Protein backbone atom coordinates (compact mmCIF):
# COMPACT_ATOMS: atom_id res chain seq x y z
CA UNK A 1 19.65 -26.87 20.34
CA UNK A 2 18.93 -27.28 24.28
CA UNK A 3 17.35 -24.32 25.76
CA UNK A 4 18.02 -24.98 29.24
CA UNK A 5 21.99 -25.98 28.11
CA UNK A 6 24.36 -22.87 29.12
CA UNK A 7 27.99 -23.26 27.74
CA UNK A 8 30.54 -21.18 29.99
CA UNK A 9 33.79 -21.41 31.66
CA UNK A 10 33.92 -23.10 34.95
CA UNK A 11 34.43 -20.78 37.72
CA UNK A 12 36.28 -21.61 40.79
CA UNK A 13 37.62 -24.91 40.02
CA UNK A 14 39.49 -25.24 43.10
CA UNK A 15 35.93 -25.59 44.80
CA UNK A 16 33.93 -26.52 41.94
CA UNK A 17 35.54 -29.25 40.18
CA UNK A 18 33.44 -31.35 41.96
CA UNK A 19 30.41 -30.67 39.78
CA UNK A 20 32.40 -32.54 36.65
CA UNK A 21 32.95 -36.04 38.34
CA UNK A 22 29.49 -37.76 36.89
CA UNK A 23 30.45 -36.26 33.49
CA UNK A 24 33.63 -37.22 34.24
CA UNK A 25 33.29 -41.03 35.02
CA UNK A 26 30.77 -41.22 32.13
CA UNK A 27 33.75 -40.12 29.56
CA UNK A 28 35.72 -42.71 31.04
CA UNK A 29 33.05 -45.61 30.72
CA UNK A 30 32.49 -44.82 27.30
CA UNK A 31 35.81 -43.47 25.47
CA UNK A 32 36.71 -46.52 23.20
CA UNK A 33 40.30 -46.67 24.51
CA UNK A 34 38.72 -46.88 28.26
CA UNK A 35 35.65 -48.36 28.46
CA UNK A 36 37.33 -51.78 28.62
CA UNK A 37 39.73 -51.37 31.12
CA UNK A 38 38.00 -52.75 34.13
CA UNK A 39 40.01 -50.99 36.87
CA UNK A 40 38.61 -47.48 36.05
CA UNK A 41 35.16 -48.96 37.31
CA UNK A 42 36.40 -50.25 40.56
CA UNK A 43 36.49 -48.24 44.02
CA UNK A 44 40.04 -47.69 43.77
CA UNK A 45 39.75 -46.55 39.94
CA UNK A 46 36.98 -44.17 40.52
CA UNK A 47 39.20 -42.59 43.39
CA UNK A 48 42.16 -42.45 41.13
CA UNK A 49 40.22 -40.66 38.22
CA UNK A 50 38.62 -38.63 41.19
CA UNK A 51 42.14 -37.27 41.81
CA UNK A 52 43.08 -36.94 38.50
CA UNK A 53 40.19 -34.57 37.58
CA UNK A 54 41.31 -32.70 40.84
CA UNK A 55 44.47 -32.27 39.94
CA UNK A 56 43.57 -31.36 36.41
CA UNK A 57 41.31 -28.82 37.00
CA UNK A 58 43.00 -27.01 39.53
CA UNK A 59 46.79 -27.47 38.57
CA UNK A 60 46.61 -26.90 34.75
CA UNK A 61 44.64 -23.85 35.36
CA UNK A 62 43.37 -23.26 31.72
CA UNK A 63 39.84 -22.53 30.88
CA UNK A 64 37.45 -25.07 31.33
CA UNK A 65 34.57 -25.24 29.68
CA UNK A 66 31.11 -27.16 30.65
CA UNK A 67 27.88 -27.49 29.08
CA UNK A 68 25.28 -26.49 32.04
CA UNK A 69 22.23 -28.07 32.55
CA UNK A 70 20.21 -24.99 34.36
CA UNK A 71 17.21 -27.16 34.90
CA UNK A 72 18.70 -30.11 36.29
CA UNK A 73 21.31 -28.28 37.88
CA UNK A 74 24.49 -30.35 36.76
CA UNK A 75 27.04 -30.77 33.92
CA UNK A 76 25.86 -32.10 30.71
CA UNK A 77 29.33 -31.90 29.29
CA UNK A 78 32.83 -30.29 29.13
CA UNK A 79 35.99 -29.13 27.13
CA UNK A 80 38.85 -29.34 29.24
CA UNK A 81 41.66 -27.54 27.89
CA UNK A 82 45.39 -27.14 27.83
CA UNK A 83 48.13 -25.32 27.12
CA UNK A 84 51.44 -27.05 26.09
CA UNK A 85 54.82 -25.07 26.13
CA UNK A 86 58.35 -26.44 24.36
CA UNK A 87 60.09 -25.10 26.96
CA UNK A 88 58.43 -25.86 30.75
CA UNK A 89 59.06 -24.02 33.80
CA UNK A 90 60.08 -25.87 36.64
CA UNK A 91 56.63 -24.86 38.21
CA UNK A 92 54.97 -26.74 35.47
CA UNK A 93 57.47 -29.70 35.48
CA UNK A 94 56.35 -30.11 39.19
CA UNK A 95 52.56 -29.95 38.28
CA UNK A 96 53.36 -32.75 35.66
CA UNK A 97 55.17 -34.81 38.65
CA UNK A 98 52.36 -34.18 41.20
CA UNK A 99 50.16 -35.42 38.78
CA UNK A 100 51.82 -38.75 37.34
CA UNK A 101 52.23 -39.70 41.05
CA UNK A 102 48.63 -39.91 41.56
CA UNK A 103 48.95 -43.33 40.89
CA UNK A 104 50.65 -44.58 43.53
CA UNK A 105 48.63 -42.81 46.10
CA UNK A 106 45.57 -45.08 45.54
CA UNK A 107 46.88 -48.54 46.37
CA UNK A 108 46.56 -50.31 43.00
CA UNK A 109 48.39 -53.82 42.44
CA UNK A 110 50.91 -54.22 40.24
CA UNK A 111 48.79 -56.04 37.46
CA UNK A 112 46.05 -52.97 37.86
CA UNK A 113 48.62 -50.13 37.72
CA UNK A 114 49.97 -51.69 34.61
CA UNK A 115 46.68 -51.07 32.32
CA UNK A 116 47.19 -47.37 33.40
CA UNK A 117 50.63 -47.30 32.28
CA UNK A 118 49.75 -48.96 29.38
CA UNK A 119 47.18 -45.93 28.59
CA UNK A 120 50.05 -43.68 29.33
CA UNK A 121 52.43 -45.37 27.02
CA UNK A 122 49.43 -45.19 24.16
CA UNK A 123 49.22 -41.53 24.93
CA UNK A 124 52.96 -40.69 24.61
CA UNK A 125 53.24 -42.50 21.26
CA UNK A 126 50.16 -40.22 20.02
CA UNK A 127 52.21 -37.10 20.93
CA UNK A 128 55.51 -38.30 19.58
CA UNK A 129 53.71 -39.33 16.15
CA UNK A 130 52.09 -35.88 16.26
CA UNK A 131 55.96 -34.30 16.75
CA UNK A 132 53.52 -30.88 17.28
CA UNK A 133 56.55 -28.20 17.80
CA UNK A 134 58.67 -29.12 15.21
CA UNK A 135 55.82 -29.84 12.31
CA UNK A 136 54.38 -26.34 13.11
CA UNK A 137 57.11 -24.29 14.77
CA UNK A 138 55.50 -22.97 17.74
CA UNK A 139 56.86 -22.40 20.95
CA UNK A 140 53.45 -23.88 22.93
CA UNK A 141 49.83 -24.67 21.66
CA UNK A 142 46.07 -24.59 22.93
CA UNK A 143 44.76 -28.36 23.14
CA UNK A 144 41.26 -29.44 23.45
CA UNK A 145 42.50 -32.28 26.12
CA UNK A 146 39.31 -34.08 26.65
CA UNK A 147 35.89 -33.45 25.33
CA UNK A 148 33.21 -35.33 26.76
CA UNK A 149 29.30 -35.12 26.47
CA UNK A 150 27.43 -37.26 29.05
CA UNK A 151 25.64 -40.24 27.43
CA UNK A 152 21.72 -38.80 28.27
CA UNK A 153 22.70 -35.84 26.32
CA UNK A 154 24.10 -37.20 23.25
CA UNK A 155 23.31 -36.57 19.62
CA UNK A 156 22.13 -32.88 20.69
CA UNK A 157 25.36 -30.48 19.40
CA UNK A 158 26.73 -30.09 22.79
CA UNK A 159 29.89 -31.48 21.38
CA UNK A 160 29.94 -28.90 18.82
CA UNK A 161 29.18 -25.89 21.09
CA UNK A 162 31.93 -26.77 23.76
CA UNK A 163 34.42 -27.57 20.63
CA UNK A 164 33.21 -23.76 19.36
CA UNK A 165 33.61 -22.10 22.93
CA UNK A 166 37.16 -23.61 23.37
CA UNK A 167 38.44 -22.37 19.64
CA UNK A 168 36.79 -18.41 20.85
CA UNK A 169 39.10 -18.77 24.02
CA UNK A 170 41.89 -20.23 22.30
CA UNK A 171 41.79 -17.58 19.79
CA UNK A 172 40.87 -14.85 22.28
CA UNK A 173 44.39 -16.06 24.01
CA UNK A 174 46.44 -15.47 20.87
CA UNK A 175 46.89 -18.80 19.65
CA UNK A 176 46.90 -19.65 16.00
CA UNK A 177 46.63 -22.84 16.27
CA UNK A 178 44.41 -25.74 18.32
CA UNK A 179 45.61 -29.57 18.72
CA UNK A 180 43.44 -32.19 19.57
CA UNK A 181 43.68 -36.07 19.85
CA UNK A 182 40.59 -38.07 19.35
CA UNK A 183 40.12 -41.77 19.74
CA UNK A 184 36.28 -41.80 19.11
CA UNK A 185 35.17 -41.61 15.61
CA UNK A 186 32.46 -39.48 16.55
CA UNK A 187 34.66 -37.03 18.01
CA UNK A 188 36.72 -37.07 15.05
CA UNK A 189 33.81 -36.43 12.90
CA UNK A 190 32.66 -33.67 15.35
CA UNK A 191 36.07 -31.82 14.79
CA UNK A 192 36.16 -32.31 10.96
CA UNK A 193 32.99 -30.46 10.73
CA UNK A 194 34.66 -27.68 12.93
CA UNK A 195 37.32 -27.38 10.23
CA UNK A 196 40.14 -29.30 12.35
CA UNK A 197 42.24 -31.47 9.99
CA UNK A 198 44.13 -34.63 10.47
CA UNK A 199 47.89 -34.80 10.72
CA UNK A 200 48.89 -38.37 12.18
CA UNK A 201 46.84 -41.50 13.22
CA UNK A 202 47.50 -44.41 15.78
CA UNK A 203 45.63 -47.86 15.72
CA UNK A 204 43.86 -48.17 19.18
CA UNK A 205 43.72 -51.71 18.76
CA UNK A 206 47.47 -52.21 18.75
CA UNK A 207 47.63 -50.91 22.31
CA UNK A 208 44.40 -51.78 23.82
CA UNK A 209 42.15 -54.95 24.08
CA UNK A 210 39.14 -54.05 22.13
CA UNK A 211 35.85 -55.77 21.36
CA UNK A 212 35.47 -56.48 17.92
CA UNK A 213 32.17 -54.11 17.87
CA UNK A 214 34.52 -51.04 19.39
CA UNK A 215 37.34 -52.01 17.21
CA UNK A 216 35.41 -51.73 13.81
CA UNK A 217 33.55 -48.41 15.24
CA UNK A 218 36.81 -46.72 16.59
CA UNK A 219 39.72 -48.11 14.80
CA UNK A 220 41.92 -45.22 15.36
CA UNK A 221 43.11 -41.91 17.25
CA UNK A 222 43.34 -39.15 15.09
CA UNK A 223 45.33 -36.39 15.88
CA UNK A 224 43.98 -33.06 14.81
CA UNK A 225 44.91 -29.52 14.14
CA UNK A 226 42.25 -26.31 13.84
CA UNK A 227 44.35 -22.99 12.63
CA UNK A 228 42.53 -20.07 14.18
């Protein structure tokens, strides 16, 4: 465990969301289903990811847990959490619309857009297979939405600390169950060790062009739940 790393909730996200940018780009560069989507590494792709992060941190407004390197003064990892409700308010719907419209504000070509739209369809299919509301008969649930640790901080236990802190927050807010979709085998193993159980699987390779190496290491996205 690294003494120089503090696990905490990001304060004043409206101003401090930019602190996550390097860790955010690292996540998209190394996630199995996005690492080979080249548009994300382009100038327009970086701008898109930047706007998505800003929108999520400011609009979602749920606890964003970070691993803060007190020596280097930078974000070493993050758990971007979300709460989803069965019956969304008009304000929640508007927030989703504003986030979805970002793709049209960057100036992507139709070909560049197609890769992002394919990713959206994949995520929608994952949600559909989970069928969370009907399966667990809940009106809302807490989700570990994006979990990332910068490459230079890997294999130091930060992922576990981020997940455990997020679970503590979910419990304190009164949630009895937590969901996470994990396309990385390593992240799935981590969540298994934290007491999550698999409820659905979706083949990564059915939706994305992946190298044989990545396909063999990360063949599926596992939807998992943790009962609190």
